[in-house]
Amino acid sequence: MELNNIIHTNPEDLLDFHPDFFIAASGYETRARFIPGKLKHLDCEKIAFGFDEHLNDISRPENDKYFKDQGFRQIIQKTHSSPNYETLFGGIESKRVHVLIDISVMTRDWYHGLLKYLQGNVDFDHFHLRIVYCPGIYNEPTRLKKNISLKKFTFNGDLLNNRKENKKTALILGLGNERNISEKIHNIIGPDETVLFYADPTINKKYVENVFVNNHGLINKTPIRFLKGYPLQNTKLIYQLLIDTLLPLRQEYKIVIVPQGPKIFSLLSMIFQISYPDIELLYPSYKVKKIKDRKPSDRFISLDLEFDSE
């Protein structure tokens, strides 16, 4: 299937979507229940991916009970591997499918795996995917437990392996509020050019302040024209900013994106890579010393993707 349409939907349209499947996730964060709690009216098959760790931590027992009581089929899933979407959707007889997925507490592997599944799928004529995301209320970041490593995400590994290595490297780096991680990533990649993306405005002004405080070393070394603030709740403007930044660089540079920060920037970077698979997408992998609950804000973000058979 091919991605034929990106629809930057309004959050208030969420209640007007009638999916065949609703997929959510159960973890230790309170916000896991926020969007499902607004969609109790849905009459469809409901799936809740449950993390295979932290089974008794913070809000996890309450979340699991909630999803069970609401009729969700719970599937235990490894944190850093993609769910088996081929098995999940394998019994569908219809050629036109509508799916709603809440990525608020999902790992990147889980929603990247769904996009990758749809790219290679030949069983459906049309697949309408609505993705929703609830940002959490701001928490002070925790300290890291060990050094970071970088993991590659790709829709076409062969193409990446055959890219022209003689090009210079341009790094598109999303800034999170974890202390010094961005500078470590920059040092690992060693790019010839760097553009920094950060969320502003966001749900909480203090988040933006901490992004600048915790990344001040790298920010101070970056020319101001390469600092790109994006509005967290406007997916259309974020995607346009990616286009305006990356396309002029592709001719001269090998592009590497490391989209830290809010999940919506990560998701849009993945979608961008579908259209431009020569772009390399990496994510930092690390552990923190203490997990923290993320309570829901009163906002959520929505984006529709339409995939069609060739």
Protein backbone atom coordinates (compact mmCIF):
# COMPACT_ATOMS: atom_id res chain seq x y z
CA MET A 1 0.00 0.00 0.00
CA GLU A 2 1.02 3.60 -0.47
CA LEU A 3 0.47 6.59 1.78
CA ASN A 4 -1.81 8.76 -0.37
CA ASN A 5 -3.15 11.33 2.06
CA ILE A 6 -2.22 13.10 5.29
CA ILE A 7 -5.16 14.82 6.98
CA HIS A 8 -4.38 17.25 9.76
CA THR A 9 -7.58 16.73 11.74
CA ASN A 10 -9.05 18.79 14.55
CA PRO A 11 -9.15 17.08 17.96
CA GLU A 12 -12.84 17.85 18.29
CA ASP A 13 -13.50 15.57 15.28
CA LEU A 14 -12.39 12.53 17.31
CA LEU A 15 -15.92 11.58 18.35
CA ASP A 16 -17.06 11.52 14.71
CA PHE A 17 -14.66 8.70 13.74
CA HIS A 18 -16.13 5.20 13.72
CA PRO A 19 -13.28 2.67 13.60
CA ASP A 20 -13.29 -1.08 13.10
CA PHE A 21 -10.41 -1.33 15.59
CA PHE A 22 -9.35 0.81 18.52
CA ILE A 23 -5.79 0.18 19.73
CA ALA A 24 -4.47 1.65 22.99
CA ALA A 25 -1.70 0.78 25.45
CA SER A 26 -1.46 -0.01 29.15
CA GLY A 27 1.64 1.04 31.05
CA TYR A 28 2.47 2.67 34.37
CA GLU A 29 1.36 6.18 33.32
CA THR A 30 -2.02 7.57 34.37
CA ARG A 31 -2.58 9.14 30.96
CA ALA A 32 -2.95 5.67 29.39
CA ARG A 33 -6.66 5.89 30.29
CA PHE A 34 -7.30 9.50 29.21
CA ILE A 35 -8.25 9.11 25.54
CA PRO A 36 -9.91 5.68 25.98
CA GLY A 37 -12.00 7.30 28.71
CA LYS A 38 -13.40 9.75 26.17
CA LEU A 39 -14.26 6.96 23.71
CA LYS A 40 -16.35 4.57 25.81
CA HIS A 41 -19.11 4.84 23.19
CA LEU A 42 -17.10 3.03 20.50
CA ASP A 43 -18.64 -0.21 19.28
CA CYS A 44 -15.67 -1.97 17.69
CA GLU A 45 -12.92 -4.43 18.45
CA LYS A 46 -10.66 -3.02 21.17
CA ILE A 47 -7.02 -3.97 21.73
CA ALA A 48 -4.71 -2.84 24.56
CA PHE A 49 -1.00 -3.55 24.20
CA GLY A 50 0.47 -4.08 27.66
CA PHE A 51 4.15 -3.57 28.42
CA ASP A 52 5.91 -6.74 29.53
CA GLU A 53 7.59 -4.84 32.38
CA HIS A 54 6.57 -2.65 35.35
CA LEU A 55 3.49 -4.84 35.81
CA ASN A 56 2.90 -3.63 39.38
CA ASP A 57 4.35 -0.11 39.25
CA ILE A 58 2.51 3.20 39.75
CA SER A 59 -0.75 3.13 37.71
CA ARG A 60 -0.21 -0.15 35.86
CA PRO A 61 -2.58 -2.35 37.94
CA GLU A 62 -5.33 0.28 37.71
CA ASN A 63 -4.77 0.68 33.96
CA ASP A 64 -4.94 -3.07 33.32
CA LYS A 65 -8.16 -3.32 35.31
CA TYR A 66 -9.65 -0.39 33.41
CA PHE A 67 -8.96 -1.91 29.99
CA LYS A 68 -10.29 -5.29 31.08
CA ASP A 69 -13.49 -3.72 32.44
CA GLN A 70 -13.94 -1.78 29.18
CA GLY A 71 -13.77 -4.92 27.04
CA PHE A 72 -10.26 -4.50 25.61
CA ARG A 73 -8.38 -7.63 24.55
CA GLN A 74 -5.00 -7.27 26.27
CA ILE A 75 -1.82 -8.33 24.47
CA ILE A 76 1.49 -8.33 26.37
CA GLN A 77 4.16 -6.75 24.19
CA LYS A 78 7.92 -6.35 24.47
CA THR A 79 9.01 -2.73 24.81
CA HIS A 80 11.48 -2.62 21.94
CA SER A 81 9.84 -4.85 19.33
CA SER A 82 6.93 -4.28 16.99
CA PRO A 83 3.57 -5.94 17.67
CA ASN A 84 2.49 -8.59 15.16
CA TYR A 85 0.06 -6.49 13.14
CA GLU A 86 -0.19 -9.14 10.44
CA THR A 87 -1.76 -11.52 12.96
CA LEU A 88 -3.84 -8.75 14.56
CA PHE A 89 -5.49 -7.71 11.28
CA GLY A 90 -5.22 -11.08 9.52
CA GLY A 91 -8.85 -12.08 10.10
CA ILE A 92 -10.41 -8.95 8.58
CA GLU A 93 -12.56 -9.75 5.55
CA SER A 94 -13.32 -6.18 4.49
CA LYS A 95 -10.99 -4.49 2.00
CA ARG A 96 -11.63 -1.08 3.54
CA VAL A 97 -10.51 -0.72 7.15
CA HIS A 98 -10.68 2.11 9.69
CA VAL A 99 -8.36 2.00 12.71
CA LEU A 100 -7.92 4.38 15.64
CA ILE A 101 -4.66 4.15 17.61
CA ASP A 102 -3.74 6.04 20.78
CA ILE A 103 0.07 6.36 20.90
CA SER A 104 0.19 8.42 24.10
CA VAL A 105 2.16 5.83 26.09
CA MET A 106 3.40 3.63 23.25
CA THR A 107 7.04 3.11 22.33
CA ARG A 108 8.30 4.25 18.97
CA ASP A 109 8.75 0.61 17.95
CA TRP A 110 5.02 0.01 18.31
CA TYR A 111 3.71 2.80 16.09
CA HIS A 112 6.62 2.62 13.65
CA GLY A 113 5.81 -1.09 13.30
CA LEU A 114 2.24 -0.25 12.28
CA LEU A 115 3.40 2.20 9.60
CA LYS A 116 5.88 -0.36 8.30
CA TYR A 117 3.17 -3.03 8.21
CA LEU A 118 0.91 -0.77 6.16
CA GLN A 119 3.70 0.08 3.72
CA GLY A 120 4.17 -3.59 2.85
CA ASN A 121 0.52 -4.68 3.02
CA VAL A 122 -1.31 -5.99 -0.04
CA ASP A 123 -4.47 -7.33 1.65
CA PHE A 124 -6.51 -4.11 1.79
CA ASP A 125 -7.71 -1.65 -0.83
CA HIS A 126 -7.95 1.22 1.66
CA PHE A 127 -6.72 1.66 5.22
CA HIS A 128 -7.78 4.79 7.13
CA LEU A 129 -5.62 5.29 10.22
CA ARG A 130 -6.42 7.93 12.82
CA ILE A 131 -3.58 8.53 15.29
CA VAL A 132 -4.26 10.34 18.55
CA TYR A 133 -1.82 11.51 21.21
CA CYS A 134 -2.26 13.11 24.63
CA PRO A 135 0.80 15.02 25.91
CA GLY A 136 1.56 14.49 29.57
CA ILE A 137 1.73 17.16 32.25
CA TYR A 138 5.30 18.38 32.69
CA ASN A 139 7.62 16.43 34.99
CA GLU A 140 11.20 17.18 35.89
CA PRO A 141 13.38 14.78 33.86
CA THR A 142 15.07 11.89 35.65
CA ARG A 143 18.78 11.12 35.52
CA LEU A 144 20.14 8.50 33.16
CA LYS A 145 21.20 5.09 34.37
CA LYS A 146 23.80 4.43 31.70
CA ASN A 147 25.24 5.76 28.44
CA ILE A 148 23.03 6.08 25.39
CA SER A 149 23.13 4.17 22.12
CA LEU A 150 21.38 4.88 18.81
CA LYS A 151 18.84 2.59 17.15
CA LYS A 152 17.94 2.81 13.46
CA PHE A 153 14.34 2.86 12.22
CA THR A 154 13.77 2.34 8.51
CA PHE A 155 11.11 1.43 5.96
CA ASN A 156 13.70 0.36 3.38
CA GLY A 157 16.96 -0.99 4.80
CA ASP A 158 18.45 -1.86 1.41
CA LEU A 159 18.12 1.69 0.17
CA LEU A 160 19.83 3.06 3.26
CA ASN A 161 22.69 0.61 2.91
CA ASN A 162 23.24 1.72 -0.69
CA ARG A 163 23.20 5.45 -0.08
CA LYS A 164 26.05 7.65 -1.26
CA GLU A 165 28.47 7.76 1.64
CA ASN A 166 30.55 10.54 0.11
CA LYS A 167 27.93 13.14 1.02
CA LYS A 168 28.31 15.36 4.04
CA THR A 169 25.93 14.75 6.96
CA ALA A 170 23.17 17.09 8.09
CA LEU A 171 21.67 16.24 11.48
CA ILE A 172 18.06 17.19 12.23
CA LEU A 173 17.95 16.86 16.00
CA GLY A 174 14.83 17.14 18.11
CA LEU A 175 15.51 18.49 21.58
CA GLY A 176 14.04 16.82 24.65
CA ASN A 177 14.37 18.12 28.18
CA GLU A 178 16.75 15.39 29.38
CA ARG A 179 20.07 16.90 30.43
CA ASN A 180 22.97 16.65 27.94
CA ILE A 181 21.52 13.81 25.84
CA SER A 182 21.31 15.93 22.69
CA GLU A 183 24.96 16.94 22.96
CA LYS A 184 25.99 13.28 23.36
CA ILE A 185 23.98 12.36 20.25
CA HIS A 186 25.61 15.20 18.33
CA ASN A 187 29.06 13.98 19.36
CA ILE A 188 28.29 10.39 18.31
CA ILE A 189 27.11 11.39 14.83
CA GLY A 190 29.59 14.21 14.25
CA PRO A 191 27.54 16.03 11.58
CA ASP A 192 28.76 18.70 9.17
CA GLU A 193 25.56 20.70 9.73
CA THR A 194 23.01 20.64 12.55
CA VAL A 195 19.44 21.94 12.77
CA LEU A 196 17.74 21.83 16.19
CA PHE A 197 13.97 21.39 16.49
CA TYR A 198 12.14 22.06 19.76
CA ALA A 199 8.48 22.31 20.80
CA ASP A 200 7.32 25.88 21.43
CA PRO A 201 4.61 26.65 22.35
CA THR A 202 3.74 23.52 24.32
CA ILE A 203 1.22 22.64 27.02
CA ASN A 204 3.54 23.94 29.76
CA LYS A 205 5.91 26.89 29.44
CA LYS A 206 8.31 25.33 31.95
CA TYR A 207 8.96 22.47 29.53
CA VAL A 208 10.34 24.90 26.96
CA GLU A 209 12.46 26.64 29.59
CA ASN A 210 13.99 23.31 30.63
CA VAL A 211 14.68 22.34 27.02
CA PHE A 212 16.90 25.42 26.75
CA VAL A 213 18.51 24.92 30.15
CA ASN A 214 19.28 21.23 29.66
CA ASN A 215 20.57 21.68 26.11
CA HIS A 216 22.35 25.00 26.54
CA GLY A 217 25.77 23.66 25.51
CA LEU A 218 24.61 22.51 22.08
CA ILE A 219 22.24 25.45 21.59
CA ASN A 220 25.03 27.94 22.27
CA LYS A 221 27.12 26.35 19.50
CA THR A 222 24.25 26.44 16.97
CA PRO A 223 23.57 29.51 14.78
CA ILE A 224 20.17 30.99 15.56
CA ARG A 225 18.93 30.38 11.99
CA PHE A 226 19.27 26.64 12.69
CA LEU A 227 17.00 26.75 15.77
CA LYS A 228 13.47 25.76 14.74
CA GLY A 229 10.59 26.06 17.17
CA TYR A 230 7.43 24.15 16.24
CA PRO A 231 3.90 24.48 17.68
CA LEU A 232 3.17 21.21 19.47
CA GLN A 233 -0.53 21.09 18.61
CA ASN A 234 -0.32 22.02 14.92
CA THR A 235 0.69 18.93 12.93
CA LYS A 236 0.31 20.71 9.60
CA LEU A 237 2.84 23.42 10.49
CA ILE A 238 5.27 20.87 11.97
CA TYR A 239 5.19 18.78 8.80
CA GLN A 240 5.60 21.87 6.61
CA LEU A 241 8.58 22.97 8.70
CA LEU A 242 10.19 19.56 8.15
CA ILE A 243 9.65 19.87 4.40
CA ASP A 244 11.01 23.42 4.24
CA THR A 245 14.09 22.42 6.25
CA LEU A 246 14.98 19.02 4.84
CA LEU A 247 14.27 19.21 1.11
CA PRO A 248 16.84 21.98 0.42
CA LEU A 249 19.48 19.93 2.30
CA ARG A 250 18.88 16.57 0.55
CA GLN A 251 20.84 17.39 -2.59
CA GLU A 252 24.07 18.20 -0.79
CA TYR A 253 23.77 16.27 2.47
CA LYS A 254 22.99 12.82 3.79
CA ILE A 255 20.10 13.56 6.17
CA VAL A 256 19.94 12.01 9.65
CA ILE A 257 16.92 12.74 11.87
CA VAL A 258 16.96 12.07 15.61
CA PRO A 259 13.49 13.27 16.67
CA GLN A 260 13.60 13.49 20.44
CA GLY A 261 10.96 15.41 22.33
CA PRO A 262 7.17 15.01 22.07
CA LYS A 263 5.89 11.89 20.26
CA ILE A 264 4.09 13.93 17.61
CA PHE A 265 7.41 15.18 16.21
CA SER A 266 8.69 11.61 16.19
CA LEU A 267 5.57 10.42 14.35
CA LEU A 268 5.75 13.15 11.71
CA SER A 269 9.43 12.36 11.13
CA MET A 270 8.48 8.73 10.46
CA ILE A 271 5.77 9.84 8.04
CA PHE A 272 8.27 12.08 6.28
CA GLN A 273 10.64 9.11 5.92
CA ILE A 274 7.90 7.11 4.15
CA SER A 275 8.07 9.63 1.30
CA TYR A 276 11.86 10.03 1.46
CA PRO A 277 13.28 6.63 2.50
CA ASP A 278 16.88 7.71 1.84
CA ILE A 279 16.64 9.78 5.04
CA GLU A 280 18.09 8.00 8.07
CA LEU A 281 16.02 7.90 11.26
CA LEU A 282 17.75 7.19 14.61
CA TYR A 283 16.54 7.15 18.20
CA PRO A 284 18.52 7.26 21.45
CA SER A 285 18.22 4.24 23.71
CA TYR A 286 18.88 4.65 27.42
CA LYS A 287 17.54 3.81 30.86
CA VAL A 288 16.56 6.19 33.64
CA LYS A 289 17.28 5.80 37.34
CA LYS A 290 13.66 6.23 38.39
CA ILE A 291 10.41 5.95 36.45
CA LYS A 292 7.76 8.65 36.89
CA ASP A 293 4.05 8.86 36.26
CA ARG A 294 2.88 11.09 33.42
CA LYS A 295 -0.56 12.46 34.13
CA PRO A 296 -2.63 13.64 31.15
CA SER A 297 -2.97 17.22 30.08
CA ASP A 298 -6.44 18.25 28.99
CA ARG A 299 -5.33 18.34 25.33
CA PHE A 300 -4.86 15.78 22.62
CA ILE A 301 -3.59 15.84 19.06
CA SER A 302 -5.04 13.97 16.09
CA LEU A 303 -3.72 13.04 12.65
CA ASP A 304 -5.22 10.90 9.86
CA LEU A 305 -3.29 8.81 7.32
CA GLU A 306 -4.90 7.14 4.31
CA PHE A 307 -3.17 4.19 2.66
CA ASP A 308 -4.35 2.77 -0.66
CA SER A 309 -3.37 -0.14 -2.88
CA GLU A 310 -1.40 0.80 -5.97
